[in-house]
Amino acid sequence: GLSLMALLVVALLGLHVYAKQEESKDTCTKGEGRERESASPKADTPFVCDFVEKQDFYERMGVSKDVDERSLKKAYRKLSLKYHPDKVKGKEDEKACSQSHFIAINKAYETLSDKEKRR
């Protein structure tokens, strides 16, 4: 028979293979074909920050001027997850860029979600 250690190794290898299979499955539930974004850009491509300092709040959030509260919140959540400094994996310049985006997105949302501040 197999020793206890051998059984444990076989079980762990089986779990690892199962986890890899589950990880590679597309988790899209609505049937939409989403392309997976790579975790990091190609190694030979230099990073260029796309942050624009004085951008219109509506433009920064990617919404129209007549946006409703629900759509504004949805855009905010999507962008804040995309640019959250803890979610960005990369070099310091990439993290600094994402932090700039994140701060600007928060300021834009704070302003646009307040009816008094909104233009």
PDB file of N, CA and C in Angstrom:
ATOM      1  N   GLY A   1       0.803  -1.178   0.000  1.00  0.00           N
ATOM      2  CA  GLY A   1       0.000   0.000   0.000  1.00  0.00           C
ATOM      3  C   GLY A   1       0.857   1.258   0.000  1.00  0.00           C
ATOM      4  N   LEU A   2       0.181   2.347  -0.184  1.00  0.00           N
ATOM      5  CA  LEU A   2       0.848   3.651  -0.188  1.00  0.00           C
ATOM      6  C   LEU A   2       0.966   4.173   1.230  1.00  0.00           C
ATOM      7  N   SER A   3       2.039   4.831   1.491  1.00  0.00           N
ATOM      8  CA  SER A   3       2.213   5.426   2.815  1.00  0.00           C
ATOM      9  C   SER A   3       1.334   6.665   2.932  1.00  0.00           C
ATOM     10  N   LEU A   4       1.153   7.125   4.129  1.00  0.00           N
ATOM     11  CA  LEU A   4       0.341   8.307   4.389  1.00  0.00           C
ATOM     12  C   LEU A   4       0.929   9.536   3.686  1.00  0.00           C
ATOM     13  N   MET A   5       2.234   9.661   3.661  1.00  0.00           N
ATOM     14  CA  MET A   5       2.901  10.789   3.015  1.00  0.00           C
ATOM     15  C   MET A   5       2.658  10.765   1.509  1.00  0.00           C
ATOM     16  N   ALA A   6       2.724   9.592   0.904  1.00  0.00           N
ATOM     17  CA  ALA A   6       2.493   9.466  -0.532  1.00  0.00           C
ATOM     18  C   ALA A   6       1.048   9.850  -0.874  1.00  0.00           C
ATOM     19  N   LEU A   7       0.092   9.437  -0.049  1.00  0.00           N
ATOM     20  CA  LEU A   7      -1.308   9.800  -0.272  1.00  0.00           C
ATOM     21  C   LEU A   7      -1.506  11.310  -0.174  1.00  0.00           C
ATOM     22  N   LEU A   8      -0.833  11.916   0.781  1.00  0.00           N
ATOM     23  CA  LEU A   8      -0.936  13.354   0.966  1.00  0.00           C
ATOM     24  C   LEU A   8      -0.382  14.097  -0.255  1.00  0.00           C
ATOM     25  N   VAL A   9       0.745  13.653  -0.780  1.00  0.00           N
ATOM     26  CA  VAL A   9       1.353  14.275  -1.959  1.00  0.00           C
ATOM     27  C   VAL A   9       0.427  14.138  -3.166  1.00  0.00           C
ATOM     28  N   VAL A  10      -0.131  12.977  -3.364  1.00  0.00           N
ATOM     29  CA  VAL A  10      -1.044  12.748  -4.486  1.00  0.00           C
ATOM     30  C   VAL A  10      -2.279  13.644  -4.348  1.00  0.00           C
ATOM     31  N   ALA A  11      -2.811  13.757  -3.151  1.00  0.00           N
ATOM     32  CA  ALA A  11      -3.984  14.596  -2.917  1.00  0.00           C
ATOM     33  C   ALA A  11      -3.664  16.067  -3.202  1.00  0.00           C
ATOM     34  N   LEU A  12      -2.533  16.544  -2.739  1.00  0.00           N
ATOM     35  CA  LEU A  12      -2.153  17.932  -2.973  1.00  0.00           C
ATOM     36  C   LEU A  12      -1.930  18.218  -4.449  1.00  0.00           C
ATOM     37  N   LEU A  13      -1.307  17.290  -5.156  1.00  0.00           N
ATOM     38  CA  LEU A  13      -1.113  17.465  -6.591  1.00  0.00           C
ATOM     39  C   LEU A  13      -2.454  17.506  -7.316  1.00  0.00           C
ATOM     40  N   GLY A  14      -3.364  16.670  -6.900  1.00  0.00           N
ATOM     41  CA  GLY A  14      -4.702  16.662  -7.497  1.00  0.00           C
ATOM     42  C   GLY A  14      -5.417  17.981  -7.273  1.00  0.00           C
ATOM     43  N   LEU A  15      -5.315  18.545  -6.064  1.00  0.00           N
ATOM     44  CA  LEU A  15      -5.932  19.834  -5.774  1.00  0.00           C
ATOM     45  C   LEU A  15      -5.301  20.943  -6.606  1.00  0.00           C
ATOM     46  N   HIS A  16      -3.989  20.895  -6.766  1.00  0.00           N
ATOM     47  CA  HIS A  16      -3.290  21.903  -7.548  1.00  0.00           C
ATOM     48  C   HIS A  16      -3.754  21.864  -9.006  1.00  0.00           C
ATOM     49  N   VAL A  17      -3.856  20.681  -9.569  1.00  0.00           N
ATOM     50  CA  VAL A  17      -4.306  20.529 -10.953  1.00  0.00           C
ATOM     51  C   VAL A  17      -5.752  21.023 -11.085  1.00  0.00           C
ATOM     52  N   TYR A  18      -6.616  20.676 -10.130  1.00  0.00           N
ATOM     53  CA  TYR A  18      -8.010  21.110 -10.151  1.00  0.00           C
ATOM     54  C   TYR A  18      -8.091  22.632 -10.064  1.00  0.00           C
ATOM     55  N   ALA A  19      -7.294  23.233  -9.187  1.00  0.00           N
ATOM     56  CA  ALA A  19      -7.302  24.687  -9.032  1.00  0.00           C
ATOM     57  C   ALA A  19      -6.869  25.369 -10.325  1.00  0.00           C
ATOM     58  N   LYS A  20      -5.858  24.833 -10.989  1.00  0.00           N
ATOM     59  CA  LYS A  20      -5.392  25.406 -12.252  1.00  0.00           C
ATOM     60  C   LYS A  20      -6.480  25.324 -13.324  1.00  0.00           C
ATOM     61  N   GLN A  21      -7.214  24.205 -13.345  1.00  0.00           N
ATOM     62  CA  GLN A  21      -8.290  24.047 -14.326  1.00  0.00           C
ATOM     63  C   GLN A  21      -9.398  25.053 -14.058  1.00  0.00           C
ATOM     64  N   GLU A  22      -9.758  25.226 -12.785  1.00  0.00           N
ATOM     65  CA  GLU A  22     -10.805  26.174 -12.422  1.00  0.00           C
ATOM     66  C   GLU A  22     -10.375  27.609 -12.740  1.00  0.00           C
ATOM     67  N   GLU A  23      -9.110  27.912 -12.513  1.00  0.00           N
ATOM     68  CA  GLU A  23      -8.577  29.241 -12.757  1.00  0.00           C
ATOM     69  C   GLU A  23      -8.627  29.587 -14.237  1.00  0.00           C
ATOM     70  N   SER A  24      -8.437  28.607 -15.089  1.00  0.00           N
ATOM     71  CA  SER A  24      -8.383  28.876 -16.520  1.00  0.00           C
ATOM     72  C   SER A  24      -9.769  28.969 -17.157  1.00  0.00           C
ATOM     73  N   LYS A  25     -10.808  28.541 -16.418  1.00  0.00           N
ATOM     74  CA  LYS A  25     -12.165  28.626 -16.961  1.00  0.00           C
ATOM     75  C   LYS A  25     -12.608  30.074 -17.026  1.00  0.00           C
ATOM     76  N   ASP A  26     -13.430  30.396 -17.983  1.00  0.00           N
ATOM     77  CA  ASP A  26     -13.981  31.745 -18.091  1.00  0.00           C
ATOM     78  C   ASP A  26     -15.119  31.866 -17.089  1.00  0.00           C
ATOM     79  N   THR A  27     -15.071  32.869 -16.245  1.00  0.00           N
ATOM     80  CA  THR A  27     -16.059  33.025 -15.191  1.00  0.00           C
ATOM     81  C   THR A  27     -17.218  33.912 -15.604  1.00  0.00           C
ATOM     82  N   CYS A  28     -17.310  34.244 -16.841  1.00  0.00           N
ATOM     83  CA  CYS A  28     -18.367  35.113 -17.321  1.00  0.00           C
ATOM     84  C   CYS A  28     -19.705  34.386 -17.238  1.00  0.00           C
ATOM     85  N   THR A  29     -20.676  34.979 -16.535  1.00  0.00           N
ATOM     86  CA  THR A  29     -21.958  34.310 -16.343  1.00  0.00           C
ATOM     87  C   THR A  29     -23.015  34.751 -17.334  1.00  0.00           C
ATOM     88  N   LYS A  30     -22.838  35.900 -17.968  1.00  0.00           N
ATOM     89  CA  LYS A  30     -23.849  36.404 -18.880  1.00  0.00           C
ATOM     90  C   LYS A  30     -23.620  35.990 -20.326  1.00  0.00           C
ATOM     91  N   GLY A  31     -22.595  35.207 -20.566  1.00  0.00           N
ATOM     92  CA  GLY A  31     -22.324  34.737 -21.917  1.00  0.00           C
ATOM     93  C   GLY A  31     -21.544  35.732 -22.751  1.00  0.00           C
ATOM     94  N   GLU A  32     -21.083  36.817 -22.125  1.00  0.00           N
ATOM     95  CA  GLU A  32     -20.309  37.791 -22.866  1.00  0.00           C
ATOM     96  C   GLU A  32     -18.885  37.279 -22.992  1.00  0.00           C
ATOM     97  N   GLY A  33     -18.284  37.446 -24.128  1.00  0.00           N
ATOM     98  CA  GLY A  33     -16.900  37.026 -24.300  1.00  0.00           C
ATOM     99  C   GLY A  33     -15.965  38.149 -23.877  1.00  0.00           C
ATOM    100  N   ARG A  34     -15.411  38.042 -22.701  1.00  0.00           N
ATOM    101  CA  ARG A  34     -14.497  39.075 -22.225  1.00  0.00           C
ATOM    102  C   ARG A  34     -13.065  38.625 -22.447  1.00  0.00           C
ATOM    103  N   GLU A  35     -12.270  39.541 -22.939  1.00  0.00           N
ATOM    104  CA  GLU A  35     -10.859  39.224 -23.095  1.00  0.00           C
ATOM    105  C   GLU A  35     -10.172  39.446 -21.759  1.00  0.00           C
ATOM    106  N   ARG A  36      -9.284  38.540 -21.433  1.00  0.00           N
ATOM    107  CA  ARG A  36      -8.545  38.689 -20.187  1.00  0.00           C
ATOM    108  C   ARG A  36      -7.415  39.696 -20.385  1.00  0.00           C
ATOM    109  N   GLU A  37      -7.283  40.580 -19.384  1.00  0.00           N
ATOM    110  CA  GLU A  37      -6.175  41.524 -19.430  1.00  0.00           C
ATOM    111  C   GLU A  37      -4.972  40.863 -18.795  1.00  0.00           C
ATOM    112  N   SER A  38      -3.834  41.067 -19.386  1.00  0.00           N
ATOM    113  CA  SER A  38      -2.635  40.490 -18.792  1.00  0.00           C
ATOM    114  C   SER A  38      -2.304  41.266 -17.529  1.00  0.00           C
ATOM    115  N   ALA A  39      -1.695  40.592 -16.567  1.00  0.00           N
ATOM    116  CA  ALA A  39      -1.371  41.205 -15.288  1.00  0.00           C
ATOM    117  C   ALA A  39      -0.388  42.350 -15.450  1.00  0.00           C
ATOM    118  N   SER A  40       0.533  42.210 -16.366  1.00  0.00           N
ATOM    119  CA  SER A  40       1.484  43.287 -16.595  1.00  0.00           C
ATOM    120  C   SER A  40       1.741  43.412 -18.085  1.00  0.00           C
ATOM    121  N   PRO A  41       2.067  44.619 -18.543  1.00  0.00           N
ATOM    122  CA  PRO A  41       2.341  44.780 -19.968  1.00  0.00           C
ATOM    123  C   PRO A  41       3.612  44.041 -20.354  1.00  0.00           C
ATOM    124  N   LYS A  42       3.825  43.955 -21.645  1.00  0.00           N
ATOM    125  CA  LYS A  42       5.012  43.249 -22.127  1.00  0.00           C
ATOM    126  C   LYS A  42       6.264  43.871 -21.529  1.00  0.00           C
ATOM    127  N   ALA A  43       7.230  43.028 -21.231  1.00  0.00           N
ATOM    128  CA  ALA A  43       8.439  43.468 -20.543  1.00  0.00           C
ATOM    129  C   ALA A  43       9.228  44.498 -21.353  1.00  0.00           C
ATOM    130  N   ASP A  44       9.166  44.411 -22.687  1.00  0.00           N
ATOM    131  CA  ASP A  44       9.950  45.333 -23.508  1.00  0.00           C
ATOM    132  C   ASP A  44       9.246  46.666 -23.754  1.00  0.00           C
ATOM    133  N   THR A  45       7.981  46.798 -23.317  1.00  0.00           N
ATOM    134  CA  THR A  45       7.231  48.026 -23.498  1.00  0.00           C
ATOM    135  C   THR A  45       7.413  48.921 -22.273  1.00  0.00           C
ATOM    136  N   PRO A  46       7.946  50.134 -22.453  1.00  0.00           N
ATOM    137  CA  PRO A  46       8.120  51.016 -21.291  1.00  0.00           C
ATOM    138  C   PRO A  46       6.769  51.537 -20.810  1.00  0.00           C
ATOM    139  N   PHE A  47       6.653  51.762 -19.509  1.00  0.00           N
ATOM    140  CA  PHE A  47       5.413  52.251 -18.921  1.00  0.00           C
ATOM    141  C   PHE A  47       5.278  53.748 -19.168  1.00  0.00           C
ATOM    142  N   VAL A  48       4.094  54.172 -19.592  1.00  0.00           N
ATOM    143  CA  VAL A  48       3.808  55.584 -19.796  1.00  0.00           C
ATOM    144  C   VAL A  48       2.531  55.901 -19.022  1.00  0.00           C
ATOM    145  N   CYS A  49       2.630  56.836 -18.091  1.00  0.00           N
ATOM    146  CA  CYS A  49       1.466  57.215 -17.286  1.00  0.00           C
ATOM    147  C   CYS A  49       0.511  58.046 -18.139  1.00  0.00           C
ATOM    148  N   ASP A  50      -0.774  57.693 -18.117  1.00  0.00           N
ATOM    149  CA  ASP A  50      -1.771  58.394 -18.924  1.00  0.00           C
ATOM    150  C   ASP A  50      -2.606  59.370 -18.091  1.00  0.00           C
ATOM    151  N   PHE A  51      -2.125  59.733 -16.916  1.00  0.00           N
ATOM    152  CA  PHE A  51      -2.856  60.641 -16.038  1.00  0.00           C
ATOM    153  C   PHE A  51      -2.833  62.056 -16.605  1.00  0.00           C
ATOM    154  N   VAL A  52      -4.016  62.687 -16.655  1.00  0.00           N
ATOM    155  CA  VAL A  52      -4.151  64.063 -17.123  1.00  0.00           C
ATOM    156  C   VAL A  52      -4.527  64.907 -15.914  1.00  0.00           C
ATOM    157  N   GLU A  53      -3.721  65.910 -15.615  1.00  0.00           N
ATOM    158  CA  GLU A  53      -3.870  66.702 -14.383  1.00  0.00           C
ATOM    159  C   GLU A  53      -5.216  67.420 -14.297  1.00  0.00           C
ATOM    160  N   LYS A  54      -5.530  68.278 -15.243  1.00  0.00           N
ATOM    161  CA  LYS A  54      -6.728  69.118 -15.154  1.00  0.00           C
ATOM    162  C   LYS A  54      -7.805  68.626 -16.106  1.00  0.00           C
ATOM    163  N   GLN A  55      -8.318  67.447 -15.827  1.00  0.00           N
ATOM    164  CA  GLN A  55      -9.347  66.852 -16.679  1.00  0.00           C
ATOM    165  C   GLN A  55     -10.723  67.143 -16.082  1.00  0.00           C
ATOM    166  N   ASP A  56     -11.700  67.351 -16.935  1.00  0.00           N
ATOM    167  CA  ASP A  56     -13.081  67.562 -16.517  1.00  0.00           C
ATOM    168  C   ASP A  56     -13.556  66.353 -15.710  1.00  0.00           C
ATOM    169  N   PHE A  57     -14.308  66.573 -14.637  1.00  0.00           N
ATOM    170  CA  PHE A  57     -14.767  65.482 -13.772  1.00  0.00           C
ATOM    171  C   PHE A  57     -15.610  64.467 -14.531  1.00  0.00           C
ATOM    172  N   TYR A  58     -16.473  64.944 -15.411  1.00  0.00           N
ATOM    173  CA  TYR A  58     -17.318  64.031 -16.185  1.00  0.00           C
ATOM    174  C   TYR A  58     -16.456  63.165 -17.108  1.00  0.00           C
ATOM    175  N   GLU A  59     -15.473  63.804 -17.725  1.00  0.00           N
ATOM    176  CA  GLU A  59     -14.566  63.091 -18.622  1.00  0.00           C
ATOM    177  C   GLU A  59     -13.745  62.058 -17.850  1.00  0.00           C
ATOM    178  N   ARG A  60     -13.266  62.455 -16.671  1.00  0.00           N
ATOM    179  CA  ARG A  60     -12.456  61.557 -15.845  1.00  0.00           C
ATOM    180  C   ARG A  60     -13.251  60.315 -15.450  1.00  0.00           C
ATOM    181  N   MET A  61     -14.528  60.508 -15.138  1.00  0.00           N
ATOM    182  CA  MET A  61     -15.375  59.389 -14.724  1.00  0.00           C
ATOM    183  C   MET A  61     -15.923  58.607 -15.920  1.00  0.00           C
ATOM    184  N   GLY A  62     -15.805  59.175 -17.122  1.00  0.00           N
ATOM    185  CA  GLY A  62     -16.290  58.502 -18.323  1.00  0.00           C
ATOM    186  C   GLY A  62     -17.808  58.501 -18.419  1.00  0.00           C
ATOM    187  N   VAL A  63     -18.436  59.585 -17.945  1.00  0.00           N
ATOM    188  CA  VAL A  63     -19.898  59.684 -17.959  1.00  0.00           C
ATOM    189  C   VAL A  63     -20.321  60.973 -18.655  1.00  0.00           C
ATOM    190  N   SER A  64     -21.598  61.038 -19.020  1.00  0.00           N
ATOM    191  CA  SER A  64     -22.124  62.250 -19.650  1.00  0.00           C
ATOM    192  C   SER A  64     -22.558  63.236 -18.560  1.00  0.00           C
ATOM    193  N   LYS A  65     -22.830  64.474 -18.959  1.00  0.00           N
ATOM    194  CA  LYS A  65     -23.205  65.514 -17.986  1.00  0.00           C
ATOM    195  C   LYS A  65     -24.583  65.286 -17.383  1.00  0.00           C
ATOM    196  N   ASP A  66     -25.414  64.483 -18.021  1.00  0.00           N
ATOM    197  CA  ASP A  66     -26.745  64.202 -17.470  1.00  0.00           C
ATOM    198  C   ASP A  66     -26.819  62.814 -16.819  1.00  0.00           C
ATOM    199  N   VAL A  67     -25.707  62.341 -16.272  1.00  0.00           N
ATOM    200  CA  VAL A  67     -25.617  61.013 -15.660  1.00  0.00           C
ATOM    201  C   VAL A  67     -26.488  60.947 -14.402  1.00  0.00           C
ATOM    202  N   ASP A  68     -27.119  59.797 -14.196  1.00  0.00           N
ATOM    203  CA  ASP A  68     -27.892  59.609 -12.966  1.00  0.00           C
ATOM    204  C   ASP A  68     -26.981  59.056 -11.867  1.00  0.00           C
ATOM    205  N   GLU A  69     -27.472  59.065 -10.629  1.00  0.00           N
ATOM    206  CA  GLU A  69     -26.651  58.657  -9.480  1.00  0.00           C
ATOM    207  C   GLU A  69     -26.171  57.217  -9.585  1.00  0.00           C
ATOM    208  N   ARG A  70     -27.040  56.347 -10.065  1.00  0.00           N
ATOM    209  CA  ARG A  70     -26.693  54.925 -10.159  1.00  0.00           C
ATOM    210  C   ARG A  70     -25.542  54.686 -11.150  1.00  0.00           C
ATOM    211  N   SER A  71     -25.634  55.309 -12.313  1.00  0.00           N
ATOM    212  CA  SER A  71     -24.590  55.152 -13.326  1.00  0.00           C
ATOM    213  C   SER A  71     -23.276  55.784 -12.876  1.00  0.00           C
ATOM    214  N   LEU A  72     -23.379  56.895 -12.158  1.00  0.00           N
ATOM    215  CA  LEU A  72     -22.186  57.551 -11.636  1.00  0.00           C
ATOM    216  C   LEU A  72     -21.484  56.655 -10.618  1.00  0.00           C
ATOM    217  N   LYS A  73     -22.268  56.058  -9.744  1.00  0.00           N
ATOM    218  CA  LYS A  73     -21.693  55.171  -8.729  1.00  0.00           C
ATOM    219  C   LYS A  73     -21.064  53.942  -9.377  1.00  0.00           C
ATOM    220  N   LYS A  74     -21.713  53.416 -10.407  1.00  0.00           N
ATOM    221  CA  LYS A  74     -21.183  52.248 -11.122  1.00  0.00           C
ATOM    222  C   LYS A  74     -19.842  52.585 -11.781  1.00  0.00           C
ATOM    223  N   ALA A  75     -19.762  53.751 -12.418  1.00  0.00           N
ATOM    224  CA  ALA A  75     -18.515  54.179 -13.056  1.00  0.00           C
ATOM    225  C   ALA A  75     -17.427  54.384 -12.003  1.00  0.00           C
ATOM    226  N   TYR A  76     -17.813  54.966 -10.868  1.00  0.00           N
ATOM    227  CA  TYR A  76     -16.847  55.191  -9.788  1.00  0.00           C
ATOM    228  C   TYR A  76     -16.278  53.870  -9.269  1.00  0.00           C
ATOM    229  N   ARG A  77     -17.144  52.924  -9.011  1.00  0.00           N
ATOM    230  CA  ARG A  77     -16.686  51.629  -8.495  1.00  0.00           C
ATOM    231  C   ARG A  77     -15.744  50.931  -9.477  1.00  0.00           C
ATOM    232  N   LYS A  78     -16.098  50.973 -10.744  1.00  0.00           N
ATOM    233  CA  LYS A  78     -15.273  50.328 -11.774  1.00  0.00           C
ATOM    234  C   LYS A  78     -13.885  50.965 -11.838  1.00  0.00           C
ATOM    235  N   LEU A  79     -13.853  52.296 -11.855  1.00  0.00           N
ATOM    236  CA  LEU A  79     -12.566  52.999 -11.955  1.00  0.00           C
ATOM    237  C   LEU A  79     -11.752  52.886 -10.672  1.00  0.00           C
ATOM    238  N   SER A  80     -12.422  52.929  -9.527  1.00  0.00           N
ATOM    239  CA  SER A  80     -11.670  52.847  -8.277  1.00  0.00           C
ATOM    240  C   SER A  80     -11.049  51.469  -8.099  1.00  0.00           C
ATOM    241  N   LEU A  81     -11.706  50.440  -8.583  1.00  0.00           N
ATOM    242  CA  LEU A  81     -11.105  49.106  -8.537  1.00  0.00           C
ATOM    243  C   LEU A  81      -9.934  49.002  -9.518  1.00  0.00           C
ATOM    244  N   LYS A  82     -10.102  49.602 -10.680  1.00  0.00           N
ATOM    245  CA  LYS A  82      -9.051  49.543 -11.693  1.00  0.00           C
ATOM    246  C   LYS A  82      -7.780  50.260 -11.240  1.00  0.00           C
ATOM    247  N   TYR A  83      -7.941  51.402 -10.567  1.00  0.00           N
ATOM    248  CA  TYR A  83      -6.791  52.224 -10.210  1.00  0.00           C
ATOM    249  C   TYR A  83      -6.423  52.178  -8.727  1.00  0.00           C
ATOM    250  N   HIS A  84      -7.043  51.297  -7.954  1.00  0.00           N
ATOM    251  CA  HIS A  84      -6.723  51.241  -6.521  1.00  0.00           C
ATOM    252  C   HIS A  84      -5.244  50.878  -6.341  1.00  0.00           C
ATOM    253  N   PRO A  85      -4.513  51.655  -5.550  1.00  0.00           N
ATOM    254  CA  PRO A  85      -3.072  51.411  -5.388  1.00  0.00           C
ATOM    255  C   PRO A  85      -2.729  50.012  -4.875  1.00  0.00           C
ATOM    256  N   ASP A  86      -3.595  49.420  -4.077  1.00  0.00           N
ATOM    257  CA  ASP A  86      -3.323  48.076  -3.569  1.00  0.00           C
ATOM    258  C   ASP A  86      -3.565  46.998  -4.617  1.00  0.00           C
ATOM    259  N   LYS A  87      -4.326  47.303  -5.653  1.00  0.00           N
ATOM    260  CA  LYS A  87      -4.644  46.321  -6.698  1.00  0.00           C
ATOM    261  C   LYS A  87      -3.620  46.323  -7.826  1.00  0.00           C
ATOM    262  N   VAL A  88      -2.899  47.432  -7.983  1.00  0.00           N
ATOM    263  CA  VAL A  88      -1.963  47.562  -9.094  1.00  0.00           C
ATOM    264  C   VAL A  88      -0.658  46.861  -8.752  1.00  0.00           C
ATOM    265  N   LYS A  89      -0.298  45.938  -9.611  1.00  0.00           N
ATOM    266  CA  LYS A  89       0.976  45.237  -9.435  1.00  0.00           C
ATOM    267  C   LYS A  89       1.937  45.788 -10.479  1.00  0.00           C
ATOM    268  N   GLY A  90       3.062  46.219 -10.034  1.00  0.00           N
ATOM    269  CA  GLY A  90       4.015  46.774 -10.973  1.00  0.00           C
ATOM    270  C   GLY A  90       5.067  47.569 -10.253  1.00  0.00           C
ATOM    271  N   LYS A  91       5.782  48.349 -11.019  1.00  0.00           N
ATOM    272  CA  LYS A  91       6.871  49.156 -10.474  1.00  0.00           C
ATOM    273  C   LYS A  91       6.308  50.398  -9.794  1.00  0.00           C
ATOM    274  N   GLU A  92       7.177  51.113  -9.121  1.00  0.00           N
ATOM    275  CA  GLU A  92       6.773  52.297  -8.356  1.00  0.00           C
ATOM    276  C   GLU A  92       6.113  53.358  -9.231  1.00  0.00           C
ATOM    277  N   ASP A  93       6.616  53.558 -10.461  1.00  0.00           N
ATOM    278  CA  ASP A  93       6.016  54.576 -11.326  1.00  0.00           C
ATOM    279  C   ASP A  93       4.586  54.209 -11.715  1.00  0.00           C
ATOM    280  N   GLU A  94       4.309  52.919 -11.892  1.00  0.00           N
ATOM    281  CA  GLU A  94       2.952  52.472 -12.199  1.00  0.00           C
ATOM    282  C   GLU A  94       2.035  52.688 -10.998  1.00  0.00           C
ATOM    283  N   LYS A  95       2.544  52.387  -9.805  1.00  0.00           N
ATOM    284  CA  LYS A  95       1.747  52.570  -8.593  1.00  0.00           C
ATOM    285  C   LYS A  95       1.473  54.051  -8.348  1.00  0.00           C
ATOM    286  N   ALA A  96       2.464  54.900  -8.583  1.00  0.00           N
ATOM    287  CA  ALA A  96       2.285  56.341  -8.402  1.00  0.00           C
ATOM    288  C   ALA A  96       1.246  56.879  -9.389  1.00  0.00           C
ATOM    289  N   CYS A  97       1.288  56.387 -10.601  1.00  0.00           N
ATOM    290  CA  CYS A  97       0.318  56.804 -11.617  1.00  0.00           C
ATOM    291  C   CYS A  97      -1.093  56.382 -11.213  1.00  0.00           C
ATOM    292  N   SER A  98      -1.236  55.138 -10.773  1.00  0.00           N
ATOM    293  CA  SER A  98      -2.556  54.657 -10.381  1.00  0.00           C
ATOM    294  C   SER A  98      -3.058  55.408  -9.151  1.00  0.00           C
ATOM    295  N   GLN A  99      -2.152  55.780  -8.254  1.00  0.00           N
ATOM    296  CA  GLN A  99      -2.568  56.544  -7.076  1.00  0.00           C
ATOM    297  C   GLN A  99      -3.067  57.928  -7.489  1.00  0.00           C
ATOM    298  N   SER A 100      -2.427  58.545  -8.465  1.00  0.00           N
ATOM    299  CA  SER A 100      -2.888  59.841  -8.976  1.00  0.00           C
ATOM    300  C   SER A 100      -4.284  59.715  -9.564  1.00  0.00           C
ATOM    301  N   HIS A 101      -4.499  58.665 -10.355  1.00  0.00           N
ATOM    302  CA  HIS A 101      -5.826  58.405 -10.917  1.00  0.00           C
ATOM    303  C   HIS A 101      -6.843  58.202  -9.798  1.00  0.00           C
ATOM    304  N   PHE A 102      -6.486  57.392  -8.823  1.00  0.00           N
ATOM    305  CA  PHE A 102      -7.390  57.043  -7.728  1.00  0.00           C
ATOM    306  C   PHE A 102      -7.820  58.288  -6.945  1.00  0.00           C
ATOM    307  N   ILE A 103      -6.886  59.156  -6.628  1.00  0.00           N
ATOM    308  CA  ILE A 103      -7.199  60.377  -5.887  1.00  0.00           C
ATOM    309  C   ILE A 103      -8.107  61.281  -6.712  1.00  0.00           C
ATOM    310  N   ALA A 104      -7.802  61.423  -8.007  1.00  0.00           N
ATOM    311  CA  ALA A 104      -8.610  62.265  -8.886  1.00  0.00           C
ATOM    312  C   ALA A 104     -10.015  61.698  -9.066  1.00  0.00           C
ATOM    313  N   ILE A 105     -10.139  60.381  -9.152  1.00  0.00           N
ATOM    314  CA  ILE A 105     -11.448  59.734  -9.294  1.00  0.00           C
ATOM    315  C   ILE A 105     -12.281  59.971  -8.041  1.00  0.00           C
ATOM    316  N   ASN A 106     -11.661  59.856  -6.881  1.00  0.00           N
ATOM    317  CA  ASN A 106     -12.380  60.100  -5.632  1.00  0.00           C
ATOM    318  C   ASN A 106     -12.862  61.540  -5.535  1.00  0.00           C
ATOM    319  N   LYS A 107     -12.022  62.483  -5.930  1.00  0.00           N
ATOM    320  CA  LYS A 107     -12.412  63.894  -5.899  1.00  0.00           C
ATOM    321  C   LYS A 107     -13.561  64.157  -6.879  1.00  0.00           C
ATOM    322  N   ALA A 108     -13.459  63.579  -8.064  1.00  0.00           N
ATOM    323  CA  ALA A 108     -14.515  63.758  -9.066  1.00  0.00           C
ATOM    324  C   ALA A 108     -15.830  63.169  -8.574  1.00  0.00           C
ATOM    325  N   TYR A 109     -15.772  61.979  -7.999  1.00  0.00           N
ATOM    326  CA  TYR A 109     -17.001  61.347  -7.506  1.00  0.00           C
ATOM    327  C   TYR A 109     -17.594  62.144  -6.350  1.00  0.00           C
ATOM    328  N   GLU A 110     -16.738  62.612  -5.456  1.00  0.00           N
ATOM    329  CA  GLU A 110     -17.208  63.398  -4.314  1.00  0.00           C
ATOM    330  C   GLU A 110     -17.954  64.647  -4.790  1.00  0.00           C
ATOM    331  N   THR A 111     -17.414  65.276  -5.813  1.00  0.00           N
ATOM    332  CA  THR A 111     -18.029  66.493  -6.350  1.00  0.00           C
ATOM    333  C   THR A 111     -19.304  66.180  -7.126  1.00  0.00           C
ATOM    334  N   LEU A 112     -19.253  65.212  -8.014  1.00  0.00           N
ATOM    335  CA  LEU A 112     -20.407  64.924  -8.866  1.00  0.00           C
ATOM    336  C   LEU A 112     -21.561  64.268  -8.109  1.00  0.00           C
ATOM    337  N   SER A 113     -21.275  63.559  -7.035  1.00  0.00           N
ATOM    338  CA  SER A 113     -22.350  62.891  -6.288  1.00  0.00           C
ATOM    339  C   SER A 113     -23.076  63.854  -5.352  1.00  0.00           C
ATOM    340  N   ASP A 114     -22.497  65.029  -5.113  1.00  0.00           N
ATOM    341  CA  ASP A 114     -23.120  66.044  -4.264  1.00  0.00           C
ATOM    342  C   ASP A 114     -23.873  67.036  -5.146  1.00  0.00           C
ATOM    343  N   LYS A 115     -25.177  67.091  -5.002  1.00  0.00           N
ATOM    344  CA  LYS A 115     -25.995  67.962  -5.864  1.00  0.00           C
ATOM    345  C   LYS A 115     -25.651  69.437  -5.692  1.00  0.00           C
ATOM    346  N   GLU A 116     -25.176  69.817  -4.518  1.00  0.00           N
ATOM    347  CA  GLU A 116     -24.797  71.220  -4.262  1.00  0.00           C
ATOM    348  C   GLU A 116     -23.536  71.594  -5.050  1.00  0.00           C
ATOM    349  N   LYS A 117     -22.558  70.674  -5.099  1.00  0.00           N
ATOM    350  CA  LYS A 117     -21.279  70.951  -5.753  1.00  0.00           C
ATOM    351  C   LYS A 117     -21.341  70.743  -7.262  1.00  0.00           C
ATOM    352  N   ARG A 118     -22.285  69.917  -7.694  1.00  0.00           N
ATOM    353  CA  ARG A 118     -22.382  69.569  -9.116  1.00  0.00           C
ATOM    354  C   ARG A 118     -22.851  70.762  -9.924  1.00  0.00           C
ATOM    355  N   ARG A 119     -22.263  70.947 -11.092  1.00  0.00           N
ATOM    356  CA  ARG A 119     -22.627  72.081 -11.941  1.00  0.00           C
ATOM    357  C   ARG A 119     -23.783  71.744 -12.833  1.00  0.00           C
TER     358      ARG A 119
END
